[in-house]
PDB file of all heavy atoms in Angstrom:
ATOM      1  N   TRP A   1     146.124 -62.182  20.390  1.00  0.00           N
ATOM      2  CA  TRP A   1     145.313 -62.098  19.179  1.00  0.00           C
ATOM      3  C   TRP A   1     146.110 -62.641  18.006  1.00  0.00           C
ATOM      4  O   TRP A   1     147.281 -62.284  17.827  1.00  0.00           O
ATOM      5  CB  TRP A   1     144.893 -60.655  18.879  1.00  0.00           C
ATOM      6  CG  TRP A   1     143.789 -60.139  19.751  1.00  0.00           C
ATOM      7  CD1 TRP A   1     143.917 -59.373  20.866  1.00  0.00           C
ATOM      8  CD2 TRP A   1     142.387 -60.345  19.565  1.00  0.00           C
ATOM      9  NE1 TRP A   1     142.687 -59.085  21.393  1.00  0.00           N
ATOM     10  CE2 TRP A   1     141.720 -59.666  20.618  1.00  0.00           C
ATOM     11  CE3 TRP A   1     141.627 -61.030  18.614  1.00  0.00           C
ATOM     12  CZ2 TRP A   1     140.330 -59.657  20.741  1.00  0.00           C
ATOM     13  CZ3 TRP A   1     140.246 -61.026  18.741  1.00  0.00           C
ATOM     14  CH2 TRP A   1     139.622 -60.345  19.790  1.00  0.00           C
ATOM     15  N   PHE A   2     145.477 -63.495  17.225  1.00  0.00           N
ATOM     16  CA  PHE A   2     146.054 -64.082  16.029  1.00  0.00           C
ATOM     17  C   PHE A   2     145.069 -63.937  14.877  1.00  0.00           C
ATOM     18  O   PHE A   2     143.886 -63.695  15.087  1.00  0.00           O
ATOM     19  CB  PHE A   2     146.361 -65.570  16.233  1.00  0.00           C
ATOM     20  CG  PHE A   2     147.405 -65.868  17.271  1.00  0.00           C
ATOM     21  CD1 PHE A   2     147.115 -65.783  18.619  1.00  0.00           C
ATOM     22  CD2 PHE A   2     148.680 -66.264  16.894  1.00  0.00           C
ATOM     23  CE1 PHE A   2     148.065 -66.073  19.583  1.00  0.00           C
ATOM     24  CE2 PHE A   2     149.648 -66.563  17.849  1.00  0.00           C
ATOM     25  CZ  PHE A   2     149.341 -66.463  19.189  1.00  0.00           C
ATOM     26  N   ARG A   3     145.565 -64.125  13.667  1.00  0.00           N
ATOM     27  CA  ARG A   3     144.669 -64.195  12.521  1.00  0.00           C
ATOM     28  C   ARG A   3     145.139 -65.293  11.576  1.00  0.00           C
ATOM     29  O   ARG A   3     146.301 -65.694  11.591  1.00  0.00           O
ATOM     30  CB  ARG A   3     144.571 -62.853  11.780  1.00  0.00           C
ATOM     31  CG  ARG A   3     145.840 -62.427  11.067  1.00  0.00           C
ATOM     32  CD  ARG A   3     145.669 -61.032  10.487  1.00  0.00           C
ATOM     33  NE  ARG A   3     146.851 -60.586   9.777  1.00  0.00           N
ATOM     34  CZ  ARG A   3     147.024 -59.357   9.299  1.00  0.00           C
ATOM     35  NH1 ARG A   3     146.064 -58.444   9.457  1.00  0.00           N
ATOM     36  NH2 ARG A   3     148.145 -59.040   8.663  1.00  0.00           N
ATOM     37  N   GLN A   4     144.219 -65.754  10.735  1.00  0.00           N
ATOM     38  CA  GLN A   4     144.516 -66.867   9.848  1.00  0.00           C
ATOM     39  C   GLN A   4     143.769 -66.713   8.534  1.00  0.00           C
ATOM     40  O   GLN A   4     142.588 -66.364   8.508  1.00  0.00           O
ATOM     41  CB  GLN A   4     144.136 -68.188  10.509  1.00  0.00           C
ATOM     42  CG  GLN A   4     144.539 -69.426   9.735  1.00  0.00           C
ATOM     43  CD  GLN A   4     144.282 -70.693  10.520  1.00  0.00           C
ATOM     44  OE1 GLN A   4     143.319 -70.776  11.283  1.00  0.00           O
ATOM     45  NE2 GLN A   4     145.140 -71.685  10.342  1.00  0.00           N
ATOM     46  N   VAL A   5     144.464 -66.982   7.440  1.00  0.00           N
ATOM     47  CA  VAL A   5     143.852 -67.032   6.116  1.00  0.00           C
ATOM     48  C   VAL A   5     143.908 -68.473   5.642  1.00  0.00           C
ATOM     49  O   VAL A   5     144.737 -69.261   6.106  1.00  0.00           O
ATOM     50  CB  VAL A   5     144.558 -66.093   5.122  1.00  0.00           C
ATOM     51  CG1 VAL A   5     144.461 -64.650   5.586  1.00  0.00           C
ATOM     52  CG2 VAL A   5     146.023 -66.493   4.949  1.00  0.00           C
ATOM     53  N   PRO A   6     143.045 -68.859   4.704  1.00  0.00           N
ATOM     54  CA  PRO A   6     143.026 -70.245   4.240  1.00  0.00           C
ATOM     55  C   PRO A   6     144.382 -70.713   3.726  1.00  0.00           C
ATOM     56  O   PRO A   6     145.060 -70.007   2.989  1.00  0.00           O
ATOM     57  CB  PRO A   6     141.989 -70.218   3.107  1.00  0.00           C
ATOM     58  CG  PRO A   6     141.074 -69.104   3.481  1.00  0.00           C
ATOM     59  CD  PRO A   6     141.965 -68.062   4.094  1.00  0.00           C
ATOM     60  N   GLY A   7     144.772 -71.921   4.140  1.00  0.00           N
ATOM     61  CA  GLY A   7     146.013 -72.513   3.678  1.00  0.00           C
ATOM     62  C   GLY A   7     147.253 -72.096   4.436  1.00  0.00           C
ATOM     63  O   GLY A   7     148.355 -72.551   4.104  1.00  0.00           O
ATOM     64  N   LYS A   8     147.107 -71.246   5.445  1.00  0.00           N
ATOM     65  CA  LYS A   8     148.249 -70.797   6.215  1.00  0.00           C
ATOM     66  C   LYS A   8     147.995 -70.962   7.707  1.00  0.00           C
ATOM     67  O   LYS A   8     146.853 -71.080   8.147  1.00  0.00           O
ATOM     68  CB  LYS A   8     148.560 -69.330   5.910  1.00  0.00           C
ATOM     69  CG  LYS A   8     149.045 -69.072   4.499  1.00  0.00           C
ATOM     70  CD  LYS A   8     149.460 -67.622   4.312  1.00  0.00           C
ATOM     71  CE  LYS A   8     149.997 -67.389   2.905  1.00  0.00           C
ATOM     72  NZ  LYS A   8     151.241 -68.183   2.663  1.00  0.00           N
ATOM     73  N   GLY A   9     149.074 -70.977   8.471  1.00  0.00           N
ATOM     74  CA  GLY A   9     148.961 -71.068   9.906  1.00  0.00           C
ATOM     75  C   GLY A   9     148.539 -69.748  10.525  1.00  0.00           C
ATOM     76  O   GLY A   9     148.465 -68.722   9.854  1.00  0.00           O
ATOM     77  N   ARG A  10     148.272 -69.788  11.793  1.00  0.00           N
ATOM     78  CA  ARG A  10     147.877 -68.578  12.490  1.00  0.00           C
ATOM     79  C   ARG A  10     149.048 -67.609  12.626  1.00  0.00           C
ATOM     80  O   ARG A  10     150.174 -68.007  12.930  1.00  0.00           O
ATOM     81  CB  ARG A  10     147.299 -68.921  13.859  1.00  0.00           C
ATOM     82  CG  ARG A  10     145.852 -69.423  13.796  1.00  0.00           C
ATOM     83  CD  ARG A  10     145.285 -69.612  15.184  1.00  0.00           C
ATOM     84  NE  ARG A  10     145.738 -70.858  15.778  1.00  0.00           N
ATOM     85  CZ  ARG A  10     145.008 -71.962  15.852  1.00  0.00           C
ATOM     86  NH1 ARG A  10     143.778 -71.977  15.371  1.00  0.00           N
ATOM     87  NH2 ARG A  10     145.514 -73.050  16.415  1.00  0.00           N
ATOM     88  N   GLU A  11     148.766 -66.335  12.423  1.00  0.00           N
ATOM     89  CA  GLU A  11     149.761 -65.274  12.461  1.00  0.00           C
ATOM     90  C   GLU A  11     149.568 -64.445  13.728  1.00  0.00           C
ATOM     91  O   GLU A  11     148.475 -63.940  13.984  1.00  0.00           O
ATOM     92  CB  GLU A  11     149.629 -64.385  11.221  1.00  0.00           C
ATOM     93  CG  GLU A  11     150.570 -63.202  11.173  1.00  0.00           C
ATOM     94  CD  GLU A  11     150.305 -62.313   9.980  1.00  0.00           C
ATOM     95  OE1 GLU A  11     149.113 -62.124   9.633  1.00  0.00           O
ATOM     96  OE2 GLU A  11     151.279 -61.822   9.386  1.00  0.00           O
ATOM     97  N   PHE A  12     150.627 -64.289  14.494  1.00  0.00           N
ATOM     98  CA  PHE A  12     150.555 -63.525  15.731  1.00  0.00           C
ATOM     99  C   PHE A  12     150.382 -62.043  15.456  1.00  0.00           C
ATOM    100  O   PHE A  12     151.051 -61.475  14.584  1.00  0.00           O
ATOM    101  CB  PHE A  12     151.815 -63.751  16.570  1.00  0.00           C
ATOM    102  CG  PHE A  12     151.905 -62.874  17.786  1.00  0.00           C
ATOM    103  CD1 PHE A  12     151.063 -63.065  18.870  1.00  0.00           C
ATOM    104  CD2 PHE A  12     152.832 -61.852  17.846  1.00  0.00           C
ATOM    105  CE1 PHE A  12     151.143 -62.264  19.994  1.00  0.00           C
ATOM    106  CE2 PHE A  12     152.930 -61.043  18.962  1.00  0.00           C
ATOM    107  CZ  PHE A  12     152.079 -61.249  20.039  1.00  0.00           C
ATOM    108  N   LEU A  13     149.518 -61.396  16.231  1.00  0.00           N
ATOM    109  CA  LEU A  13     149.258 -59.974  16.077  1.00  0.00           C
ATOM    110  C   LEU A  13     149.678 -59.165  17.304  1.00  0.00           C
ATOM    111  O   LEU A  13     150.421 -58.186  17.188  1.00  0.00           O
ATOM    112  CB  LEU A  13     147.774 -59.727  15.810  1.00  0.00           C
ATOM    113  CG  LEU A  13     147.177 -60.419  14.593  1.00  0.00           C
ATOM    114  CD1 LEU A  13     145.676 -60.160  14.545  1.00  0.00           C
ATOM    115  CD2 LEU A  13     147.861 -59.953  13.324  1.00  0.00           C
ATOM    116  N   ALA A  14     149.161 -59.555  18.467  1.00  0.00           N
ATOM    117  CA  ALA A  14     149.385 -58.765  19.672  1.00  0.00           C
ATOM    118  C   ALA A  14     149.059 -59.594  20.901  1.00  0.00           C
ATOM    119  O   ALA A  14     148.337 -60.590  20.821  1.00  0.00           O
ATOM    120  CB  ALA A  14     148.526 -57.496  19.659  1.00  0.00           C
ATOM    121  N   ALA A  15     149.577 -59.169  22.059  1.00  0.00           N
ATOM    122  CA  ALA A  15     149.311 -59.891  23.293  1.00  0.00           C
ATOM    123  C   ALA A  15     149.487 -58.982  24.501  1.00  0.00           C
ATOM    124  O   ALA A  15     150.213 -57.987  24.457  1.00  0.00           O
ATOM    125  CB  ALA A  15     150.234 -61.098  23.426  1.00  0.00           C
ATOM    126  N   VAL A  16     148.810 -59.349  25.580  1.00  0.00           N
ATOM    127  CA  VAL A  16     149.003 -58.754  26.905  1.00  0.00           C
ATOM    128  C   VAL A  16     149.454 -59.874  27.820  1.00  0.00           C
ATOM    129  O   VAL A  16     148.788 -60.898  27.925  1.00  0.00           O
ATOM    130  CB  VAL A  16     147.714 -58.107  27.445  1.00  0.00           C
ATOM    131  CG1 VAL A  16     147.994 -57.457  28.793  1.00  0.00           C
ATOM    132  CG2 VAL A  16     147.165 -57.088  26.467  1.00  0.00           C
ATOM    133  N   LYS A  17     150.575 -59.679  28.500  1.00  0.00           N
ATOM    134  CA  LYS A  17     151.146 -60.731  29.314  1.00  0.00           C
ATOM    135  C   LYS A  17     150.367 -60.935  30.604  1.00  0.00           C
ATOM    136  O   LYS A  17     149.744 -60.008  31.122  1.00  0.00           O
ATOM    137  CB  LYS A  17     152.613 -60.420  29.624  1.00  0.00           C
ATOM    138  CG  LYS A  17     153.433 -61.600  30.083  1.00  0.00           C
ATOM    139  CD  LYS A  17     154.900 -61.223  30.202  1.00  0.00           C
ATOM    140  CE  LYS A  17     155.742 -62.425  30.583  1.00  0.00           C
ATOM    141  NZ  LYS A  17     157.176 -62.086  30.667  1.00  0.00           N
ATOM    142  N   GLN A  18     150.414 -62.158  31.129  1.00  0.00           N
ATOM    143  CA  GLN A  18     149.752 -62.471  32.390  1.00  0.00           C
ATOM    144  C   GLN A  18     150.357 -61.664  33.542  1.00  0.00           C
ATOM    145  O   GLN A  18     151.566 -61.432  33.583  1.00  0.00           O
ATOM    146  CB  GLN A  18     149.862 -63.981  32.686  1.00  0.00           C
ATOM    147  CG  GLN A  18     151.272 -64.498  32.890  1.00  0.00           C
ATOM    148  CD  GLN A  18     151.993 -64.803  31.584  1.00  0.00           C
ATOM    149  OE1 GLN A  18     151.391 -64.742  30.513  1.00  0.00           O
ATOM    150  NE2 GLN A  18     153.277 -65.132  31.668  1.00  0.00           N
ATOM    151  N   ASN A  19     149.501 -61.249  34.468  1.00  0.00           N
ATOM    152  CA  ASN A  19     149.933 -60.508  35.653  1.00  0.00           C
ATOM    153  C   ASN A  19     150.852 -59.342  35.326  1.00  0.00           C
ATOM    154  O   ASN A  19     151.789 -59.044  36.055  1.00  0.00           O
ATOM    155  CB  ASN A  19     150.629 -61.453  36.631  1.00  0.00           C
ATOM    156  CG  ASN A  19     149.722 -62.552  37.126  1.00  0.00           C
ATOM    157  OD1 ASN A  19     148.585 -62.291  37.528  1.00  0.00           O
ATOM    158  ND2 ASN A  19     150.207 -63.783  37.101  1.00  0.00           N
ATOM    159  N   SER A  20     150.567 -58.666  34.229  1.00  0.00           N
ATOM    160  CA  SER A  20     151.443 -57.612  33.749  1.00  0.00           C
ATOM    161  C   SER A  20     150.676 -56.666  32.842  1.00  0.00           C
ATOM    162  O   SER A  20     149.661 -57.037  32.249  1.00  0.00           O
ATOM    163  CB  SER A  20     152.629 -58.215  32.993  1.00  0.00           C
ATOM    164  OG  SER A  20     153.437 -57.213  32.415  1.00  0.00           O
ATOM    165  N   ALA A  21     151.178 -55.451  32.736  1.00  0.00           N
ATOM    166  CA  ALA A  21     150.636 -54.490  31.783  1.00  0.00           C
ATOM    167  C   ALA A  21     151.407 -54.507  30.469  1.00  0.00           C
ATOM    168  O   ALA A  21     151.090 -53.745  29.557  1.00  0.00           O
ATOM    169  CB  ALA A  21     150.659 -53.084  32.380  1.00  0.00           C
ATOM    170  N   SER A  22     152.414 -55.371  30.377  1.00  0.00           N
ATOM    171  CA  SER A  22     153.254 -55.434  29.191  1.00  0.00           C
ATOM    172  C   SER A  22     152.453 -55.877  27.977  1.00  0.00           C
ATOM    173  O   SER A  22     151.706 -56.852  28.030  1.00  0.00           O
ATOM    174  CB  SER A  22     154.416 -56.394  29.414  1.00  0.00           C
ATOM    175  OG  SER A  22     155.250 -55.950  30.467  1.00  0.00           O
ATOM    176  N   LYS A  23     152.632 -55.159  26.873  1.00  0.00           N
ATOM    177  CA  LYS A  23     151.977 -55.468  25.619  1.00  0.00           C
ATOM    178  C   LYS A  23     153.017 -55.750  24.551  1.00  0.00           C
ATOM    179  O   LYS A  23     154.085 -55.148  24.530  1.00  0.00           O
ATOM    180  CB  LYS A  23     151.067 -54.325  25.182  1.00  0.00           C
ATOM    181  CG  LYS A  23     149.951 -54.021  26.172  1.00  0.00           C
ATOM    182  CD  LYS A  23     149.141 -52.821  25.737  1.00  0.00           C
ATOM    183  CE  LYS A  23     148.055 -52.504  26.751  1.00  0.00           C
ATOM    184  NZ  LYS A  23     147.270 -51.305  26.362  1.00  0.00           N
ATOM    185  N   TYR A  24     152.680 -56.658  23.647  1.00  0.00           N
ATOM    186  CA  TYR A  24     153.587 -57.056  22.586  1.00  0.00           C
ATOM    187  C   TYR A  24     152.856 -57.006  21.258  1.00  0.00           C
ATOM    188  O   TYR A  24     151.687 -57.362  21.169  1.00  0.00           O
ATOM    189  CB  TYR A  24     154.122 -58.466  22.842  1.00  0.00           C
ATOM    190  CG  TYR A  24     154.803 -58.623  24.178  1.00  0.00           C
ATOM    191  CD1 TYR A  24     154.077 -58.957  25.313  1.00  0.00           C
ATOM    192  CD2 TYR A  24     156.172 -58.421  24.307  1.00  0.00           C
ATOM    193  CE1 TYR A  24     154.694 -59.082  26.550  1.00  0.00           C
ATOM    194  CE2 TYR A  24     156.797 -58.549  25.531  1.00  0.00           C
ATOM    195  CZ  TYR A  24     156.058 -58.877  26.650  1.00  0.00           C
ATOM    196  OH  TYR A  24     156.677 -59.002  27.871  1.00  0.00           O
ATOM    197  N   TYR A  25     153.567 -56.575  20.218  1.00  0.00           N
ATOM    198  CA  TYR A  25     152.973 -56.442  18.897  1.00  0.00           C
ATOM    199  C   TYR A  25     153.878 -57.042  17.837  1.00  0.00           C
ATOM    200  O   TYR A  25     155.097 -56.913  17.903  1.00  0.00           O
ATOM    201  CB  TYR A  25     152.712 -54.979  18.557  1.00  0.00           C
ATOM    202  CG  TYR A  25     151.673 -54.322  19.425  1.00  0.00           C
ATOM    203  CD1 TYR A  25     152.032 -53.564  20.533  1.00  0.00           C
ATOM    204  CD2 TYR A  25     150.319 -54.458  19.137  1.00  0.00           C
ATOM    205  CE1 TYR A  25     151.080 -52.965  21.328  1.00  0.00           C
ATOM    206  CE2 TYR A  25     149.359 -53.864  19.929  1.00  0.00           C
ATOM    207  CZ  TYR A  25     149.742 -53.115  21.025  1.00  0.00           C
ATOM    208  OH  TYR A  25     148.786 -52.521  21.817  1.00  0.00           O
ATOM    209  N   SER A  26     153.244 -57.666  16.862  1.00  0.00           N
ATOM    210  CA  SER A  26     153.974 -58.135  15.698  1.00  0.00           C
ATOM    211  C   SER A  26     154.269 -56.968  14.772  1.00  0.00           C
ATOM    212  O   SER A  26     153.483 -56.022  14.673  1.00  0.00           O
ATOM    213  CB  SER A  26     153.155 -59.189  14.955  1.00  0.00           C
ATOM    214  OG  SER A  26     153.703 -59.462  13.685  1.00  0.00           O
ATOM    215  N   SER A  27     155.384 -57.046  14.065  1.00  0.00           N
ATOM    216  CA  SER A  27     155.748 -55.998  13.124  1.00  0.00           C
ATOM    217  C   SER A  27     154.781 -55.901  11.949  1.00  0.00           C
ATOM    218  O   SER A  27     154.738 -54.870  11.275  1.00  0.00           O
ATOM    219  CB  SER A  27     157.168 -56.219  12.596  1.00  0.00           C
ATOM    220  OG  SER A  27     157.275 -57.457  11.924  1.00  0.00           O
ATOM    221  N   VAL A  28     154.015 -56.941  11.699  1.00  0.00           N
ATOM    222  CA  VAL A  28     153.073 -56.917  10.584  1.00  0.00           C
ATOM    223  C   VAL A  28     151.925 -55.943  10.818  1.00  0.00           C
ATOM    224  O   VAL A  28     151.213 -55.600   9.878  1.00  0.00           O
ATOM    225  CB  VAL A  28     152.503 -58.321  10.291  1.00  0.00           C
ATOM    226  CG1 VAL A  28     153.628 -59.311  10.063  1.00  0.00           C
ATOM    227  CG2 VAL A  28     151.587 -58.789  11.411  1.00  0.00           C
ATOM    228  N   MET A  29     151.750 -55.488  12.044  1.00  0.00           N
ATOM    229  CA  MET A  29     150.658 -54.571  12.364  1.00  0.00           C
ATOM    230  C   MET A  29     150.920 -53.151  11.894  1.00  0.00           C
ATOM    231  O   MET A  29     149.986 -52.356  11.762  1.00  0.00           O
ATOM    232  CB  MET A  29     150.403 -54.565  13.871  1.00  0.00           C
ATOM    233  CG  MET A  29     149.957 -55.905  14.422  1.00  0.00           C
ATOM    234  SD  MET A  29     148.344 -56.408  13.771  1.00  0.00           S
ATOM    235  CE  MET A  29     148.839 -57.428  12.377  1.00  0.00           C
ATOM    236  N   ARG A  30     152.172 -52.802  11.672  1.00  0.00           N
ATOM    237  CA  ARG A  30     152.563 -51.485  11.175  1.00  0.00           C
ATOM    238  C   ARG A  30     152.028 -50.343  12.042  1.00  0.00           C
ATOM    239  O   ARG A  30     151.777 -49.248  11.553  1.00  0.00           O
ATOM    240  CB  ARG A  30     152.111 -51.308   9.732  1.00  0.00           C
ATOM    241  CG  ARG A  30     152.688 -52.320   8.766  1.00  0.00           C
ATOM    242  CD  ARG A  30     152.130 -52.121   7.367  1.00  0.00           C
ATOM    243  NE  ARG A  30     152.698 -53.043   6.403  1.00  0.00           N
ATOM    244  CZ  ARG A  30     152.216 -54.247   6.153  1.00  0.00           C
ATOM    245  NH1 ARG A  30     151.160 -54.695   6.808  1.00  0.00           N
ATOM    246  NH2 ARG A  30     152.795 -55.022   5.244  1.00  0.00           N
ATOM    247  N   GLY A  31     151.839 -50.588  13.342  1.00  0.00           N
ATOM    248  CA  GLY A  31     151.361 -49.568  14.246  1.00  0.00           C
ATOM    249  C   GLY A  31     149.883 -49.274  14.150  1.00  0.00           C
ATOM    250  O   GLY A  31     149.398 -48.343  14.806  1.00  0.00           O
ATOM    251  N   ARG A  32     149.139 -50.045  13.376  1.00  0.00           N
ATOM    252  CA  ARG A  32     147.726 -49.766  13.155  1.00  0.00           C
ATOM    253  C   ARG A  32     146.799 -50.426  14.162  1.00  0.00           C
ATOM    254  O   ARG A  32     145.644 -50.016  14.293  1.00  0.00           O
ATOM    255  CB  ARG A  32     147.322 -50.196  11.743  1.00  0.00           C
ATOM    256  CG  ARG A  32     148.034 -49.452  10.624  1.00  0.00           C
ATOM    257  CD  ARG A  32     147.599 -49.961   9.252  1.00  0.00           C
ATOM    258  NE  ARG A  32     147.995 -51.352   9.030  1.00  0.00           N
ATOM    259  CZ  ARG A  32     147.151 -52.356   8.864  1.00  0.00           C
ATOM    260  NH1 ARG A  32     145.838 -52.141   8.877  1.00  0.00           N
ATOM    261  NH2 ARG A  32     147.607 -53.587   8.665  1.00  0.00           N
ATOM    262  N   PHE A  33     147.272 -51.453  14.839  1.00  0.00           N
ATOM    263  CA  PHE A  33     146.440 -52.201  15.778  1.00  0.00           C
ATOM    264  C   PHE A  33     146.909 -51.958  17.205  1.00  0.00           C
ATOM    265  O   PHE A  33     148.087 -51.729  17.454  1.00  0.00           O
ATOM    266  CB  PHE A  33     146.517 -53.705  15.499  1.00  0.00           C
ATOM    267  CG  PHE A  33     145.914 -54.158  14.204  1.00  0.00           C
ATOM    268  CD1 PHE A  33     145.456 -53.249  13.254  1.00  0.00           C
ATOM    269  CD2 PHE A  33     145.792 -55.514  13.924  1.00  0.00           C
ATOM    270  CE1 PHE A  33     144.898 -53.671  12.053  1.00  0.00           C
ATOM    271  CE2 PHE A  33     145.244 -55.947  12.731  1.00  0.00           C
ATOM    272  CZ  PHE A  33     144.795 -55.034  11.799  1.00  0.00           C
TER     273      PHE A  33
END
């Protein structure tokens, strides 16, 4: 999952890895997502 605001590139939010239960989060989420 990514997000984007006008004039900026896409910002990484979170991911689930292939063939895995591993999840990854960006620090910008502050534990809310």
